[in-house]
N, C-alpha and C. Protein backbone atom coordinates (compact mmCIF):
# COMPACT_ATOMS: atom_id res chain seq x y z
N MET A 1 34.70 -28.74 -26.34
CA MET A 1 34.83 -27.35 -26.74
C MET A 1 36.06 -27.14 -27.54
N GLY A 2 37.16 -27.79 -27.15
CA GLY A 2 38.42 -27.61 -27.86
C GLY A 2 39.20 -26.38 -27.37
N SER A 3 40.40 -26.27 -27.93
CA SER A 3 41.27 -25.17 -27.47
C SER A 3 41.22 -24.07 -28.53
N PRO A 4 41.67 -22.82 -28.18
CA PRO A 4 41.62 -21.71 -29.09
C PRO A 4 42.62 -21.97 -30.22
N PRO A 5 42.34 -21.39 -31.40
CA PRO A 5 43.25 -21.57 -32.55
C PRO A 5 44.67 -21.02 -32.23
N PRO A 6 45.70 -21.61 -32.85
CA PRO A 6 47.03 -21.07 -32.58
C PRO A 6 47.17 -19.69 -33.18
N GLY A 7 48.10 -18.94 -32.63
CA GLY A 7 48.36 -17.56 -33.13
C GLY A 7 48.49 -16.62 -32.01
N PRO A 8 48.38 -15.32 -32.30
CA PRO A 8 48.57 -14.32 -31.20
C PRO A 8 47.53 -14.47 -30.09
N ARG A 9 47.92 -14.07 -28.96
CA ARG A 9 46.95 -14.12 -27.79
C ARG A 9 45.88 -13.08 -28.03
N ARG A 10 44.69 -13.45 -27.57
CA ARG A 10 43.61 -12.50 -27.62
C ARG A 10 43.23 -12.10 -26.14
N ARG A 11 42.92 -10.87 -25.99
CA ARG A 11 42.54 -10.35 -24.72
C ARG A 11 41.28 -9.45 -24.81
N LEU A 12 40.48 -9.45 -23.74
CA LEU A 12 39.36 -8.65 -23.71
C LEU A 12 39.32 -7.86 -22.42
N GLY A 13 39.11 -6.60 -22.47
CA GLY A 13 38.99 -5.77 -21.25
C GLY A 13 37.78 -4.87 -21.26
N ALA A 14 37.31 -4.52 -20.14
CA ALA A 14 36.24 -3.53 -20.03
C ALA A 14 36.40 -2.73 -18.75
N TRP A 15 35.94 -1.47 -18.80
CA TRP A 15 36.02 -0.68 -17.59
C TRP A 15 34.79 0.26 -17.61
N ILE A 16 34.49 0.78 -16.41
CA ILE A 16 33.33 1.60 -16.21
C ILE A 16 33.76 2.90 -15.57
N ALA A 17 33.33 4.00 -16.11
CA ALA A 17 33.67 5.34 -15.53
C ALA A 17 32.94 5.49 -14.16
N PRO A 18 33.61 6.01 -13.14
CA PRO A 18 32.94 6.13 -11.82
C PRO A 18 32.09 7.38 -11.74
N SER A 19 30.81 7.24 -12.03
CA SER A 19 29.83 8.30 -11.80
C SER A 19 28.49 7.68 -11.87
N ALA A 20 27.44 8.47 -11.67
CA ALA A 20 26.06 7.93 -11.62
C ALA A 20 25.68 7.47 -13.01
N TRP A 21 26.20 8.10 -14.02
CA TRP A 21 25.96 7.69 -15.40
C TRP A 21 27.20 6.98 -15.79
N ARG A 22 27.15 5.81 -16.38
CA ARG A 22 28.28 5.02 -16.70
C ARG A 22 28.52 4.99 -18.21
N THR A 23 29.81 5.10 -18.57
CA THR A 23 30.16 4.89 -19.98
C THR A 23 30.91 3.49 -19.92
N VAL A 24 30.39 2.57 -20.55
CA VAL A 24 31.01 1.22 -20.55
C VAL A 24 31.85 1.16 -21.82
N ARG A 25 33.13 0.85 -21.60
CA ARG A 25 34.08 0.76 -22.71
C ARG A 25 34.61 -0.71 -22.79
N ALA A 26 34.59 -1.28 -23.91
CA ALA A 26 35.15 -2.64 -24.04
C ALA A 26 36.23 -2.58 -25.15
N CYS A 27 37.37 -3.25 -24.88
CA CYS A 27 38.42 -3.35 -25.88
C CYS A 27 38.79 -4.75 -26.10
N ALA A 28 39.20 -5.11 -27.32
CA ALA A 28 39.71 -6.41 -27.67
C ALA A 28 41.04 -6.19 -28.31
N TRP A 29 42.02 -6.97 -27.92
CA TRP A 29 43.33 -6.91 -28.59
C TRP A 29 43.60 -8.23 -29.27
N GLU A 30 44.11 -8.06 -30.43
CA GLU A 30 44.61 -9.27 -31.16
C GLU A 30 46.00 -8.89 -31.61
N GLY A 31 46.96 -9.51 -30.92
CA GLY A 31 48.35 -9.11 -31.13
C GLY A 31 48.51 -7.68 -30.65
N ASN A 32 49.00 -6.77 -31.56
CA ASN A 32 49.17 -5.42 -31.21
C ASN A 32 48.03 -4.54 -31.77
N LYS A 33 47.01 -5.13 -32.28
CA LYS A 33 45.88 -4.37 -32.81
C LYS A 33 44.78 -4.32 -31.76
N ARG A 34 44.24 -3.12 -31.56
CA ARG A 34 43.19 -2.96 -30.52
C ARG A 34 41.88 -2.47 -31.23
N ASN A 35 40.80 -3.10 -30.88
CA ASN A 35 39.50 -2.69 -31.28
C ASN A 35 38.73 -2.22 -30.01
N ALA A 36 38.19 -1.04 -30.09
CA ALA A 36 37.46 -0.47 -28.90
C ALA A 36 36.06 -0.08 -29.27
N VAL A 37 35.17 -0.11 -28.30
CA VAL A 37 33.83 0.39 -28.47
C VAL A 37 33.35 0.94 -27.14
N SER A 38 32.65 2.08 -27.22
CA SER A 38 32.03 2.67 -26.00
C SER A 38 30.50 2.58 -26.09
N LEU A 39 29.90 2.17 -25.00
CA LEU A 39 28.50 2.15 -24.91
C LEU A 39 28.07 3.01 -23.79
N GLY A 40 27.30 4.00 -24.07
CA GLY A 40 26.84 4.86 -23.03
C GLY A 40 26.80 6.32 -23.47
N PRO A 41 26.55 7.20 -22.56
CA PRO A 41 26.37 6.84 -21.14
C PRO A 41 24.99 6.18 -20.87
N ILE A 42 25.09 5.26 -20.00
CA ILE A 42 23.83 4.57 -19.58
C ILE A 42 23.70 4.76 -18.06
N PRO A 43 22.47 4.80 -17.52
CA PRO A 43 22.33 4.96 -16.11
C PRO A 43 22.88 3.76 -15.33
N ALA A 44 23.63 4.06 -14.28
CA ALA A 44 24.22 2.97 -13.53
C ALA A 44 23.18 2.33 -12.65
N LEU A 45 22.29 3.12 -12.13
CA LEU A 45 21.30 2.64 -11.18
C LEU A 45 19.92 3.22 -11.56
N ILE A 46 19.10 2.31 -12.00
CA ILE A 46 17.76 2.73 -12.39
C ILE A 46 16.88 2.48 -11.17
N PRO A 47 16.23 3.50 -10.63
CA PRO A 47 15.45 3.32 -9.45
C PRO A 47 14.21 2.41 -9.78
N VAL A 48 13.87 1.56 -8.85
CA VAL A 48 12.69 0.62 -9.00
C VAL A 48 11.85 0.69 -7.82
N ILE A 49 10.56 0.99 -7.97
CA ILE A 49 9.62 0.98 -6.88
C ILE A 49 8.90 -0.36 -6.89
N THR A 50 9.03 -1.12 -5.81
CA THR A 50 8.43 -2.44 -5.71
C THR A 50 7.07 -2.41 -4.91
N GLY A 51 6.83 -1.33 -4.13
CA GLY A 51 5.59 -1.24 -3.41
C GLY A 51 5.62 -0.05 -2.50
N PHE A 52 4.44 0.20 -1.90
CA PHE A 52 4.38 1.33 -0.94
C PHE A 52 3.20 1.07 0.03
N SER A 53 3.26 1.66 1.19
CA SER A 53 2.15 1.53 2.16
C SER A 53 2.05 2.81 2.96
N PRO A 54 0.88 3.16 3.38
CA PRO A 54 -0.43 2.57 3.03
C PRO A 54 -0.80 2.91 1.58
N LYS A 55 -1.84 2.32 1.09
CA LYS A 55 -2.34 2.57 -0.25
C LYS A 55 -3.20 3.80 -0.34
N ALA A 56 -3.66 4.26 0.81
CA ALA A 56 -4.48 5.46 0.88
C ALA A 56 -4.14 6.17 2.22
N GLY A 57 -4.38 7.51 2.22
CA GLY A 57 -4.15 8.25 3.51
C GLY A 57 -4.40 9.73 3.36
N GLY A 58 -4.44 10.37 4.45
CA GLY A 58 -4.73 11.82 4.45
C GLY A 58 -3.44 12.58 4.65
N PRO A 59 -3.58 13.94 4.56
CA PRO A 59 -2.39 14.82 4.75
C PRO A 59 -1.70 14.46 6.07
N GLY A 60 -0.37 14.46 5.99
CA GLY A 60 0.48 14.12 7.16
C GLY A 60 0.69 12.66 7.40
N THR A 61 0.02 11.75 6.54
CA THR A 61 0.33 10.36 6.66
C THR A 61 1.75 10.06 6.34
N THR A 62 2.33 9.15 7.12
CA THR A 62 3.70 8.67 6.88
C THR A 62 3.62 7.53 5.88
N LEU A 63 4.38 7.70 4.78
CA LEU A 63 4.36 6.70 3.72
C LEU A 63 5.67 5.96 3.71
N SER A 64 5.69 4.69 3.36
CA SER A 64 6.94 3.99 3.16
C SER A 64 6.89 3.44 1.72
N ILE A 65 7.99 3.61 1.02
CA ILE A 65 8.08 3.20 -0.38
C ILE A 65 9.26 2.31 -0.47
N SER A 66 9.05 1.03 -0.88
CA SER A 66 10.12 0.10 -0.96
C SER A 66 10.52 -0.12 -2.43
N GLY A 67 11.78 -0.50 -2.56
CA GLY A 67 12.34 -0.77 -3.92
C GLY A 67 13.87 -0.79 -3.85
N SER A 68 14.48 -0.38 -4.93
CA SER A 68 15.95 -0.39 -4.96
C SER A 68 16.50 0.73 -5.73
N ASN A 69 17.74 0.97 -5.65
CA ASN A 69 18.51 1.95 -6.35
C ASN A 69 17.94 3.42 -6.15
N PHE A 70 17.62 3.70 -4.93
CA PHE A 70 17.05 5.02 -4.55
C PHE A 70 18.11 6.09 -4.31
N GLY A 71 19.31 5.89 -4.75
CA GLY A 71 20.35 6.86 -4.65
C GLY A 71 21.18 6.77 -3.37
N ASP A 72 22.03 7.76 -3.21
CA ASP A 72 22.94 7.86 -2.05
C ASP A 72 23.27 9.31 -1.81
N ALA A 73 24.21 9.58 -0.99
CA ALA A 73 24.58 10.95 -0.63
C ALA A 73 25.05 11.71 -1.87
N GLN A 74 25.74 11.10 -2.77
CA GLN A 74 26.25 11.78 -3.96
C GLN A 74 25.17 11.90 -5.04
N ASN A 75 24.19 11.04 -5.01
CA ASN A 75 23.11 11.01 -6.02
C ASN A 75 21.78 10.84 -5.30
N PRO A 76 21.31 11.91 -4.65
CA PRO A 76 20.09 11.76 -3.87
C PRO A 76 18.85 11.61 -4.77
N PHE A 77 17.77 11.07 -4.16
CA PHE A 77 16.55 10.82 -4.93
C PHE A 77 15.68 12.09 -4.78
N SER A 78 14.69 12.15 -5.65
CA SER A 78 13.53 13.08 -5.48
C SER A 78 12.31 12.25 -5.58
N LEU A 79 11.24 12.68 -4.88
CA LEU A 79 10.00 11.97 -4.82
C LEU A 79 8.84 12.87 -5.26
N LYS A 80 7.98 12.38 -6.12
CA LYS A 80 6.83 13.13 -6.56
C LYS A 80 5.56 12.22 -6.50
N LEU A 81 4.45 12.84 -6.30
CA LEU A 81 3.15 12.14 -6.39
C LEU A 81 2.30 12.97 -7.31
N GLY A 82 2.03 12.46 -8.46
CA GLY A 82 1.24 13.18 -9.49
C GLY A 82 1.88 14.48 -9.92
N GLY A 83 3.18 14.60 -9.98
CA GLY A 83 3.81 15.83 -10.36
C GLY A 83 4.05 16.78 -9.18
N ILE A 84 3.57 16.44 -8.04
CA ILE A 84 3.74 17.30 -6.88
C ILE A 84 4.97 16.75 -6.09
N ALA A 85 5.96 17.63 -5.90
CA ALA A 85 7.19 17.26 -5.13
C ALA A 85 6.86 16.97 -3.69
N ILE A 86 7.39 15.91 -3.15
CA ILE A 86 7.26 15.66 -1.76
C ILE A 86 8.63 15.89 -1.11
N SER A 87 8.64 17.04 -0.42
CA SER A 87 10.01 17.48 0.12
C SER A 87 10.33 16.80 1.46
N GLN A 88 9.37 16.41 2.23
CA GLN A 88 9.60 15.75 3.50
C GLN A 88 9.73 14.28 3.30
N ALA A 89 10.93 13.84 2.88
CA ALA A 89 11.22 12.47 2.59
C ALA A 89 12.69 12.13 2.89
N TYR A 90 12.92 10.96 3.33
CA TYR A 90 14.27 10.51 3.57
C TYR A 90 14.42 9.03 3.31
N LEU A 91 15.65 8.61 3.10
CA LEU A 91 15.97 7.18 2.76
C LEU A 91 16.62 6.57 3.98
N ASP A 92 16.12 5.37 4.38
CA ASP A 92 16.68 4.64 5.47
C ASP A 92 16.63 3.10 5.15
N ASN A 93 17.82 2.52 5.09
CA ASN A 93 17.96 1.08 4.76
C ASN A 93 17.20 0.68 3.52
N GLY A 94 17.28 1.49 2.47
CA GLY A 94 16.70 1.14 1.17
C GLY A 94 15.18 1.45 1.06
N THR A 95 14.59 2.07 2.11
CA THR A 95 13.21 2.37 2.08
C THR A 95 13.02 3.87 2.15
N ILE A 96 12.19 4.46 1.34
CA ILE A 96 11.91 5.90 1.43
C ILE A 96 10.73 6.11 2.33
N TYR A 97 10.90 7.01 3.32
CA TYR A 97 9.81 7.41 4.23
C TYR A 97 9.48 8.87 3.88
N ALA A 98 8.15 9.14 3.77
CA ALA A 98 7.76 10.49 3.39
C ALA A 98 6.46 10.86 4.10
N THR A 99 6.23 12.18 4.14
CA THR A 99 5.02 12.65 4.72
C THR A 99 4.10 13.16 3.61
N LEU A 100 2.90 12.71 3.55
CA LEU A 100 1.98 13.11 2.47
C LEU A 100 1.59 14.55 2.59
N PRO A 101 1.76 15.31 1.51
CA PRO A 101 1.37 16.71 1.55
C PRO A 101 -0.13 16.92 1.44
N SER A 102 -0.62 18.08 1.80
CA SER A 102 -2.04 18.36 1.77
C SER A 102 -2.60 18.51 0.37
N ASN A 103 -1.80 18.75 -0.57
CA ASN A 103 -2.27 18.91 -1.98
C ASN A 103 -2.10 17.70 -2.85
N ALA A 104 -1.96 16.50 -2.23
CA ALA A 104 -1.82 15.23 -3.00
C ALA A 104 -3.07 14.89 -3.76
N THR A 105 -2.83 14.26 -4.95
CA THR A 105 -3.92 13.84 -5.78
C THR A 105 -3.74 12.34 -6.06
N THR A 106 -4.82 11.66 -6.47
CA THR A 106 -4.73 10.28 -6.86
C THR A 106 -3.77 10.12 -8.03
N SER A 107 -2.67 9.46 -7.80
CA SER A 107 -1.69 9.28 -8.85
C SER A 107 -0.58 8.28 -8.46
N LEU A 108 0.37 8.17 -9.34
CA LEU A 108 1.54 7.30 -9.11
C LEU A 108 2.63 8.00 -8.43
N PHE A 109 3.41 7.26 -7.63
CA PHE A 109 4.66 7.82 -7.04
C PHE A 109 5.71 7.77 -8.19
N VAL A 110 6.59 8.80 -8.15
CA VAL A 110 7.69 8.79 -9.07
C VAL A 110 8.95 9.09 -8.30
N VAL A 111 9.97 8.19 -8.39
CA VAL A 111 11.25 8.35 -7.73
C VAL A 111 12.29 8.65 -8.85
N SER A 112 13.06 9.73 -8.70
CA SER A 112 14.12 10.08 -9.66
C SER A 112 15.46 10.08 -8.95
N VAL A 113 16.45 9.55 -9.68
CA VAL A 113 17.86 9.61 -9.20
C VAL A 113 18.69 9.94 -10.39
N ASP A 114 19.38 11.13 -10.24
CA ASP A 114 20.24 11.61 -11.31
C ASP A 114 19.58 11.71 -12.70
N GLY A 115 18.33 12.13 -12.69
CA GLY A 115 17.61 12.33 -13.98
C GLY A 115 16.95 11.07 -14.49
N VAL A 116 17.07 9.94 -13.79
CA VAL A 116 16.46 8.71 -14.18
C VAL A 116 15.23 8.47 -13.31
N ALA A 117 14.10 8.31 -13.88
CA ALA A 117 12.81 8.22 -13.11
C ALA A 117 12.19 6.84 -13.22
N SER A 118 11.44 6.47 -12.21
CA SER A 118 10.71 5.23 -12.16
C SER A 118 9.41 5.50 -11.42
N ASP A 119 8.32 4.93 -11.92
CA ASP A 119 7.04 5.19 -11.16
C ASP A 119 6.49 3.88 -10.64
N SER A 120 5.61 4.07 -9.70
CA SER A 120 4.91 2.87 -9.06
C SER A 120 3.94 2.33 -10.07
N ILE A 121 3.58 1.08 -9.88
CA ILE A 121 2.56 0.46 -10.77
C ILE A 121 1.12 0.64 -10.17
N GLN A 122 1.02 1.01 -8.96
CA GLN A 122 -0.26 1.24 -8.34
C GLN A 122 -0.40 2.70 -7.99
N LEU A 123 -1.69 3.12 -8.03
CA LEU A 123 -2.08 4.48 -7.67
C LEU A 123 -2.17 4.63 -6.11
N PHE A 124 -1.72 5.79 -5.60
CA PHE A 124 -1.98 6.14 -4.21
C PHE A 124 -3.25 6.99 -4.25
N THR A 125 -4.11 6.75 -3.24
CA THR A 125 -5.39 7.49 -3.14
C THR A 125 -5.41 8.37 -1.88
N PRO A 126 -5.32 9.65 -2.03
CA PRO A 126 -5.44 10.52 -0.82
C PRO A 126 -6.87 10.56 -0.35
N VAL A 127 -7.05 10.63 0.94
CA VAL A 127 -8.40 10.80 1.52
C VAL A 127 -8.40 12.04 2.34
N ALA A 128 -9.58 12.71 2.39
CA ALA A 128 -9.75 13.99 3.17
C ALA A 128 -9.57 13.61 4.60
N SER A 129 -8.94 14.57 5.35
CA SER A 129 -8.86 14.36 6.81
C SER A 129 -10.14 14.68 7.46
N LEU A 130 -10.40 14.05 8.58
CA LEU A 130 -11.68 14.30 9.29
C LEU A 130 -11.32 15.11 10.53
N ASP A 131 -11.95 16.25 10.60
CA ASP A 131 -11.86 17.03 11.83
C ASP A 131 -12.91 16.70 12.82
N LEU A 132 -12.55 16.25 13.96
CA LEU A 132 -13.51 15.79 14.97
C LEU A 132 -13.64 16.79 16.13
C-alpha cells in the first residue's frame, strides 16, 4: 500500500447531532485548511417490522409485532393498521404488543417513530368474533 505522501498532516473528523434526526457532518483538514460537508437531516433509526403474530384474529386479540428501531421514551412509536390508529399498544424488549380494535380491516401494519414510517410486508386479516 505504501505510506502517505510527504507534506502537511491530513485529518478527518465526523460528528452526529444528538436527536432522533441526525445531521452528519464530516470535516477534512489539510494543514490549516478545512473542508466541511453536512449530510442530513437523516433519520437515525428507521423502524423495521420483521414479522407479527397471529396473522389473523378478532377484536381484542393480542398481537405481537417484532422488528427493530421501534423508538424509546423520548421518541415513542405509533402503530396503525390500515390507517386506523391502535392506541392500546406498548413496547417490551423490542417487541410491540397491541390489542386489535373492533374496526380493524385487512391491511398492513405501519409503525412510525419520529415521523419515519415502516410497514409490514404481510397483510393482517381480521376475523369476526363469534358470540356463543
